[in-house]
PDB file of N, CA and C in Angstrom:
ATOM      1  N   UNK A   1     -40.008  35.063  -1.531  1.00  0.00           N
ATOM      2  CA  UNK A   1     -39.188  36.111  -1.007  1.00  0.00           C
ATOM      3  C   UNK A   1     -40.067  36.918  -0.038  1.00  0.00           C
ATOM      4  N   UNK A   2     -39.539  37.156   1.166  1.00  0.00           N
ATOM      5  CA  UNK A   2     -40.295  37.874   2.184  1.00  0.00           C
ATOM      6  C   UNK A   2     -39.989  39.367   2.224  1.00  0.00           C
ATOM      7  N   UNK A   3     -38.750  39.737   1.896  1.00  0.00           N
ATOM      8  CA  UNK A   3     -38.373  41.145   1.953  1.00  0.00           C
ATOM      9  C   UNK A   3     -37.156  41.394   1.078  1.00  0.00           C
ATOM     10  N   UNK A   4     -36.985  42.659   0.740  1.00  0.00           N
ATOM     11  CA  UNK A   4     -35.822  43.114  -0.014  1.00  0.00           C
ATOM     12  C   UNK A   4     -35.104  44.136   0.853  1.00  0.00           C
ATOM     13  N   UNK A   5     -33.804  43.974   1.017  1.00  0.00           N
ATOM     14  CA  UNK A   5     -33.006  44.923   1.790  1.00  0.00           C
ATOM     15  C   UNK A   5     -32.373  45.895   0.798  1.00  0.00           C
ATOM     16  N   UNK A   6     -32.584  47.180   1.042  1.00  0.00           N
ATOM     17  CA  UNK A   6     -32.085  48.226   0.147  1.00  0.00           C
ATOM     18  C   UNK A   6     -31.134  49.128   0.924  1.00  0.00           C
ATOM     19  N   UNK A   7     -30.109  49.615   0.257  1.00  0.00           N
ATOM     20  CA  UNK A   7     -29.197  50.562   0.905  1.00  0.00           C
ATOM     21  C   UNK A   7     -28.883  51.678  -0.081  1.00  0.00           C
ATOM     22  N   UNK A   8     -28.195  52.674   0.391  1.00  0.00           N
ATOM     23  CA  UNK A   8     -27.862  53.812  -0.455  1.00  0.00           C
ATOM     24  C   UNK A   8     -28.826  54.958  -0.223  1.00  0.00           C
ATOM     25  N   UNK A   9     -28.582  56.051  -0.882  1.00  0.00           N
ATOM     26  CA  UNK A   9     -29.377  57.265  -0.688  1.00  0.00           C
ATOM     27  C   UNK A   9     -30.851  57.052  -1.001  1.00  0.00           C
ATOM     28  N   UNK A  10     -31.151  56.415  -2.094  1.00  0.00           N
ATOM     29  CA  UNK A  10     -32.539  56.193  -2.477  1.00  0.00           C
ATOM     30  C   UNK A  10     -33.264  55.320  -1.463  1.00  0.00           C
ATOM     31  N   UNK A  11     -32.539  54.387  -0.857  1.00  0.00           N
ATOM     32  CA  UNK A  11     -33.135  53.502   0.133  1.00  0.00           C
ATOM     33  C   UNK A  11     -33.571  54.205   1.399  1.00  0.00           C
ATOM     34  N   UNK A  12     -33.078  55.394   1.638  1.00  0.00           N
ATOM     35  CA  UNK A  12     -33.465  56.183   2.810  1.00  0.00           C
ATOM     36  C   UNK A  12     -34.828  56.857   2.597  1.00  0.00           C
ATOM     37  N   UNK A  13     -35.254  56.950   1.360  1.00  0.00           N
ATOM     38  CA  UNK A  13     -36.514  57.626   1.046  1.00  0.00           C
ATOM     39  C   UNK A  13     -37.701  56.688   1.252  1.00  0.00           C
ATOM     40  N   UNK A  14     -38.621  57.112   2.108  1.00  0.00           N
ATOM     41  CA  UNK A  14     -39.830  56.328   2.338  1.00  0.00           C
ATOM     42  C   UNK A  14     -40.666  56.193   1.069  1.00  0.00           C
ATOM     43  N   UNK A  15     -40.653  57.225   0.234  1.00  0.00           N
ATOM     44  CA  UNK A  15     -41.406  57.193  -1.023  1.00  0.00           C
ATOM     45  C   UNK A  15     -40.845  56.113  -1.950  1.00  0.00           C
ATOM     46  N   UNK A  16     -39.528  56.072  -2.075  1.00  0.00           N
ATOM     47  CA  UNK A  16     -38.885  55.071  -2.936  1.00  0.00           C
ATOM     48  C   UNK A  16     -39.150  53.662  -2.402  1.00  0.00           C
ATOM     49  N   UNK A  17     -39.003  53.481  -1.085  1.00  0.00           N
ATOM     50  CA  UNK A  17     -39.259  52.152  -0.505  1.00  0.00           C
ATOM     51  C   UNK A  17     -40.705  51.730  -0.738  1.00  0.00           C
ATOM     52  N   UNK A  18     -41.648  52.648  -0.588  1.00  0.00           N
ATOM     53  CA  UNK A  18     -43.053  52.315  -0.798  1.00  0.00           C
ATOM     54  C   UNK A  18     -43.329  51.977  -2.260  1.00  0.00           C
ATOM     55  N   UNK A  19     -42.734  52.740  -3.175  1.00  0.00           N
ATOM     56  CA  UNK A  19     -42.884  52.469  -4.603  1.00  0.00           C
ATOM     57  C   UNK A  19     -42.379  51.069  -4.946  1.00  0.00           C
ATOM     58  N   UNK A  20     -41.212  50.712  -4.417  1.00  0.00           N
ATOM     59  CA  UNK A  20     -40.659  49.382  -4.658  1.00  0.00           C
ATOM     60  C   UNK A  20     -41.526  48.291  -4.034  1.00  0.00           C
ATOM     61  N   UNK A  21     -42.037  48.547  -2.833  1.00  0.00           N
ATOM     62  CA  UNK A  21     -42.904  47.568  -2.165  1.00  0.00           C
ATOM     63  C   UNK A  21     -44.186  47.365  -2.967  1.00  0.00           C
ATOM     64  N   UNK A  22     -44.778  48.451  -3.449  1.00  0.00           N
ATOM     65  CA  UNK A  22     -46.001  48.345  -4.251  1.00  0.00           C
ATOM     66  C   UNK A  22     -45.745  47.598  -5.556  1.00  0.00           C
ATOM     67  N   UNK A  23     -44.587  47.829  -6.144  1.00  0.00           N
ATOM     68  CA  UNK A  23     -44.238  47.202  -7.415  1.00  0.00           C
ATOM     69  C   UNK A  23     -43.923  45.720  -7.261  1.00  0.00           C
ATOM     70  N   UNK A  24     -43.195  45.364  -6.211  1.00  0.00           N
ATOM     71  CA  UNK A  24     -42.754  43.978  -6.030  1.00  0.00           C
ATOM     72  C   UNK A  24     -43.703  43.138  -5.188  1.00  0.00           C
ATOM     73  N   UNK A  25     -44.498  43.806  -4.333  1.00  0.00           N
ATOM     74  CA  UNK A  25     -45.407  43.058  -3.456  1.00  0.00           C
ATOM     75  C   UNK A  25     -44.740  42.478  -2.225  1.00  0.00           C
ATOM     76  N   UNK A  26     -43.519  42.892  -1.943  1.00  0.00           N
ATOM     77  CA  UNK A  26     -42.825  42.430  -0.728  1.00  0.00           C
ATOM     78  C   UNK A  26     -42.339  43.640   0.071  1.00  0.00           C
ATOM     79  N   UNK A  27     -42.040  43.405   1.340  1.00  0.00           N
ATOM     80  CA  UNK A  27     -41.554  44.473   2.215  1.00  0.00           C
ATOM     81  C   UNK A  27     -40.163  44.924   1.776  1.00  0.00           C
ATOM     82  N   UNK A  28     -39.935  46.216   1.810  1.00  0.00           N
ATOM     83  CA  UNK A  28     -38.627  46.802   1.509  1.00  0.00           C
ATOM     84  C   UNK A  28     -38.091  47.368   2.813  1.00  0.00           C
ATOM     85  N   UNK A  29     -36.914  46.941   3.219  1.00  0.00           N
ATOM     86  CA  UNK A  29     -36.319  47.400   4.471  1.00  0.00           C
ATOM     87  C   UNK A  29     -34.926  47.965   4.209  1.00  0.00           C
ATOM     88  N   UNK A  30     -34.509  48.881   5.090  1.00  0.00           N
ATOM     89  CA  UNK A  30     -33.191  49.510   4.973  1.00  0.00           C
ATOM     90  C   UNK A  30     -32.431  49.311   6.276  1.00  0.00           C
ATOM     91  N   UNK A  31     -31.103  49.099   6.210  1.00  0.00           N
ATOM     92  CA  UNK A  31     -30.294  48.974   7.423  1.00  0.00           C
ATOM     93  C   UNK A  31     -30.361  50.241   8.261  1.00  0.00           C
ATOM     94  N   UNK A  32     -30.186  50.095   9.577  1.00  0.00           N
ATOM     95  CA  UNK A  32     -30.181  51.241  10.479  1.00  0.00           C
ATOM     96  C   UNK A  32     -28.972  52.140  10.266  1.00  0.00           C
ATOM     97  N   UNK A  33     -27.860  51.567   9.855  1.00  0.00           N
ATOM     98  CA  UNK A  33     -26.647  52.356   9.662  1.00  0.00           C
ATOM     99  C   UNK A  33     -26.742  53.178   8.380  1.00  0.00           C
ATOM    100  N   UNK A  34     -26.152  54.359   8.374  1.00  0.00           N
ATOM    101  CA  UNK A  34     -26.214  55.216   7.197  1.00  0.00           C
ATOM    102  C   UNK A  34     -25.302  54.726   6.072  1.00  0.00           C
ATOM    103  N   UNK A  35     -24.226  54.042   6.394  1.00  0.00           N
ATOM    104  CA  UNK A  35     -23.264  53.590   5.396  1.00  0.00           C
ATOM    105  C   UNK A  35     -22.998  52.095   5.553  1.00  0.00           C
ATOM    106  N   UNK A  36     -23.950  51.218   5.185  1.00  0.00           N
ATOM    107  CA  UNK A  36     -23.753  49.788   5.387  1.00  0.00           C
ATOM    108  C   UNK A  36     -22.562  49.210   4.611  1.00  0.00           C
ATOM    109  N   UNK A  37     -22.275  49.763   3.437  1.00  0.00           N
ATOM    110  CA  UNK A  37     -21.134  49.257   2.665  1.00  0.00           C
ATOM    111  C   UNK A  37     -19.815  49.554   3.377  1.00  0.00           C
ATOM    112  N   UNK A  38     -19.707  50.739   3.964  1.00  0.00           N
ATOM    113  CA  UNK A  38     -18.494  51.081   4.709  1.00  0.00           C
ATOM    114  C   UNK A  38     -18.348  50.210   5.950  1.00  0.00           C
ATOM    115  N   UNK A  39     -19.465  49.973   6.639  1.00  0.00           N
ATOM    116  CA  UNK A  39     -19.432  49.112   7.816  1.00  0.00           C
ATOM    117  C   UNK A  39     -19.002  47.698   7.427  1.00  0.00           C
ATOM    118  N   UNK A  40     -19.533  47.191   6.328  1.00  0.00           N
ATOM    119  CA  UNK A  40     -19.151  45.854   5.866  1.00  0.00           C
ATOM    120  C   UNK A  40     -17.679  45.773   5.502  1.00  0.00           C
ATOM    121  N   UNK A  41     -17.170  46.802   4.840  1.00  0.00           N
ATOM    122  CA  UNK A  41     -15.748  46.828   4.476  1.00  0.00           C
ATOM    123  C   UNK A  41     -14.864  46.878   5.710  1.00  0.00           C
ATOM    124  N   UNK A  42     -15.251  47.693   6.678  1.00  0.00           N
ATOM    125  CA  UNK A  42     -14.480  47.784   7.921  1.00  0.00           C
ATOM    126  C   UNK A  42     -14.491  46.452   8.659  1.00  0.00           C
ATOM    127  N   UNK A  43     -15.649  45.789   8.694  1.00  0.00           N
ATOM    128  CA  UNK A  43     -15.740  44.487   9.356  1.00  0.00           C
ATOM    129  C   UNK A  43     -14.886  43.441   8.658  1.00  0.00           C
ATOM    130  N   UNK A  44     -14.876  43.460   7.333  1.00  0.00           N
ATOM    131  CA  UNK A  44     -14.047  42.517   6.589  1.00  0.00           C
ATOM    132  C   UNK A  44     -12.573  42.738   6.906  1.00  0.00           C
ATOM    133  N   UNK A  45     -12.138  44.004   6.912  1.00  0.00           N
ATOM    134  CA  UNK A  45     -10.744  44.304   7.253  1.00  0.00           C
ATOM    135  C   UNK A  45     -10.401  43.864   8.662  1.00  0.00           C
ATOM    136  N   UNK A  46     -11.303  44.125   9.588  1.00  0.00           N
ATOM    137  CA  UNK A  46     -11.091  43.716  10.986  1.00  0.00           C
ATOM    138  C   UNK A  46     -10.991  42.198  11.096  1.00  0.00           C
ATOM    139  N   UNK A  47     -11.878  41.496  10.406  1.00  0.00           N
ATOM    140  CA  UNK A  47     -11.871  40.037  10.459  1.00  0.00           C
ATOM    141  C   UNK A  47     -10.594  39.469   9.842  1.00  0.00           C
ATOM    142  N   UNK A  48     -10.140  40.048   8.739  1.00  0.00           N
ATOM    143  CA  UNK A  48      -8.917  39.563   8.103  1.00  0.00           C
ATOM    144  C   UNK A  48      -7.698  39.803   8.979  1.00  0.00           C
ATOM    145  N   UNK A  49      -7.638  40.968   9.614  1.00  0.00           N
ATOM    146  CA  UNK A  49      -6.529  41.244  10.521  1.00  0.00           C
ATOM    147  C   UNK A  49      -6.574  40.323  11.733  1.00  0.00           C
ATOM    148  N   UNK A  50      -7.754  40.123  12.280  1.00  0.00           N
ATOM    149  CA  UNK A  50      -7.895  39.278  13.458  1.00  0.00           C
ATOM    150  C   UNK A  50      -7.600  37.814  13.139  1.00  0.00           C
ATOM    151  N   UNK A  51      -7.868  37.387  11.915  1.00  0.00           N
ATOM    152  CA  UNK A  51      -7.643  35.985  11.565  1.00  0.00           C
ATOM    153  C   UNK A  51      -6.160  35.627  11.570  1.00  0.00           C
ATOM    154  N   UNK A  52      -5.309  36.639  11.474  1.00  0.00           N
ATOM    155  CA  UNK A  52      -3.872  36.388  11.553  1.00  0.00           C
ATOM    156  C   UNK A  52      -3.464  36.039  12.979  1.00  0.00           C
ATOM    157  N   UNK A  53      -4.331  36.390  13.953  1.00  0.00           N
ATOM    158  CA  UNK A  53      -4.029  36.163  15.363  1.00  0.00           C
ATOM    159  C   UNK A  53      -4.940  35.109  15.977  1.00  0.00           C
ATOM    160  N   UNK A  54      -6.236  35.132  15.628  1.00  0.00           N
ATOM    161  CA  UNK A  54      -7.214  34.201  16.185  1.00  0.00           C
ATOM    162  C   UNK A  54      -7.990  33.540  15.056  1.00  0.00           C
ATOM    163  N   UNK A  55      -8.596  32.399  15.337  1.00  0.00           N
ATOM    164  CA  UNK A  55      -9.432  31.763  14.307  1.00  0.00           C
ATOM    165  C   UNK A  55     -10.561  32.704  13.880  1.00  0.00           C
ATOM    166  N   UNK A  56     -10.845  32.763  12.590  1.00  0.00           N
ATOM    167  CA  UNK A  56     -11.816  33.702  12.045  1.00  0.00           C
ATOM    168  C   UNK A  56     -13.193  33.529  12.675  1.00  0.00           C
ATOM    169  N   UNK A  57     -13.585  32.319  12.990  1.00  0.00           N
ATOM    170  CA  UNK A  57     -14.903  32.073  13.573  1.00  0.00           C
ATOM    171  C   UNK A  57     -15.100  32.706  14.936  1.00  0.00           C
ATOM    172  N   UNK A  58     -14.023  33.053  15.619  1.00  0.00           N
ATOM    173  CA  UNK A  58     -14.112  33.638  16.961  1.00  0.00           C
ATOM    174  C   UNK A  58     -14.038  35.161  16.932  1.00  0.00           C
ATOM    175  N   UNK A  59     -13.942  35.748  15.744  1.00  0.00           N
ATOM    176  CA  UNK A  59     -13.840  37.191  15.614  1.00  0.00           C
ATOM    177  C   UNK A  59     -15.233  37.807  15.640  1.00  0.00           C
ATOM    178  N   UNK A  60     -15.418  38.827  16.462  1.00  0.00           N
ATOM    179  CA  UNK A  60     -16.706  39.521  16.522  1.00  0.00           C
ATOM    180  C   UNK A  60     -16.577  40.857  15.812  1.00  0.00           C
ATOM    181  N   UNK A  61     -17.551  41.158  14.976  1.00  0.00           N
ATOM    182  CA  UNK A  61     -17.561  42.409  14.228  1.00  0.00           C
ATOM    183  C   UNK A  61     -18.859  43.161  14.486  1.00  0.00           C
ATOM    184  N   UNK A  62     -18.815  44.454  14.272  1.00  0.00           N
ATOM    185  CA  UNK A  62     -20.022  45.273  14.393  1.00  0.00           C
ATOM    186  C   UNK A  62     -20.999  44.894  13.298  1.00  0.00           C
ATOM    187  N   UNK A  63     -22.266  45.096  13.573  1.00  0.00           N
ATOM    188  CA  UNK A  63     -23.270  44.798  12.571  1.00  0.00           C
ATOM    189  C   UNK A  63     -24.344  45.875  12.592  1.00  0.00           C
ATOM    190  N   UNK A  64     -25.164  45.840  11.585  1.00  0.00           N
ATOM    191  CA  UNK A  64     -26.283  46.755  11.476  1.00  0.00           C
ATOM    192  C   UNK A  64     -27.560  45.947  11.581  1.00  0.00           C
ATOM    193  N   UNK A  65     -28.608  46.595  12.027  1.00  0.00           N
ATOM    194  CA  UNK A  65     -29.905  45.929  12.071  1.00  0.00           C
ATOM    195  C   UNK A  65     -30.809  46.554  11.028  1.00  0.00           C
ATOM    196  N   UNK A  66     -31.838  45.798  10.666  1.00  0.00           N
ATOM    197  CA  UNK A  66     -32.805  46.320   9.692  1.00  0.00           C
ATOM    198  C   UNK A  66     -34.172  46.357  10.314  1.00  0.00           C
TER     199      UNK A  66
END
């Protein structure tokens, strides 16, 4: 395992991320977006609505970077 992706309030804390990195021995990273779960839910809804009109593979959704 190369890294662990963390989200939520605790994941925003550099102290918490460092503690987890020291404990696990791998890099701990957090998404750039403040609410990754909300973004994922919105993308899922958008993709489901779009799939009624276009093939799902051609639907583009917003994403977050880490």
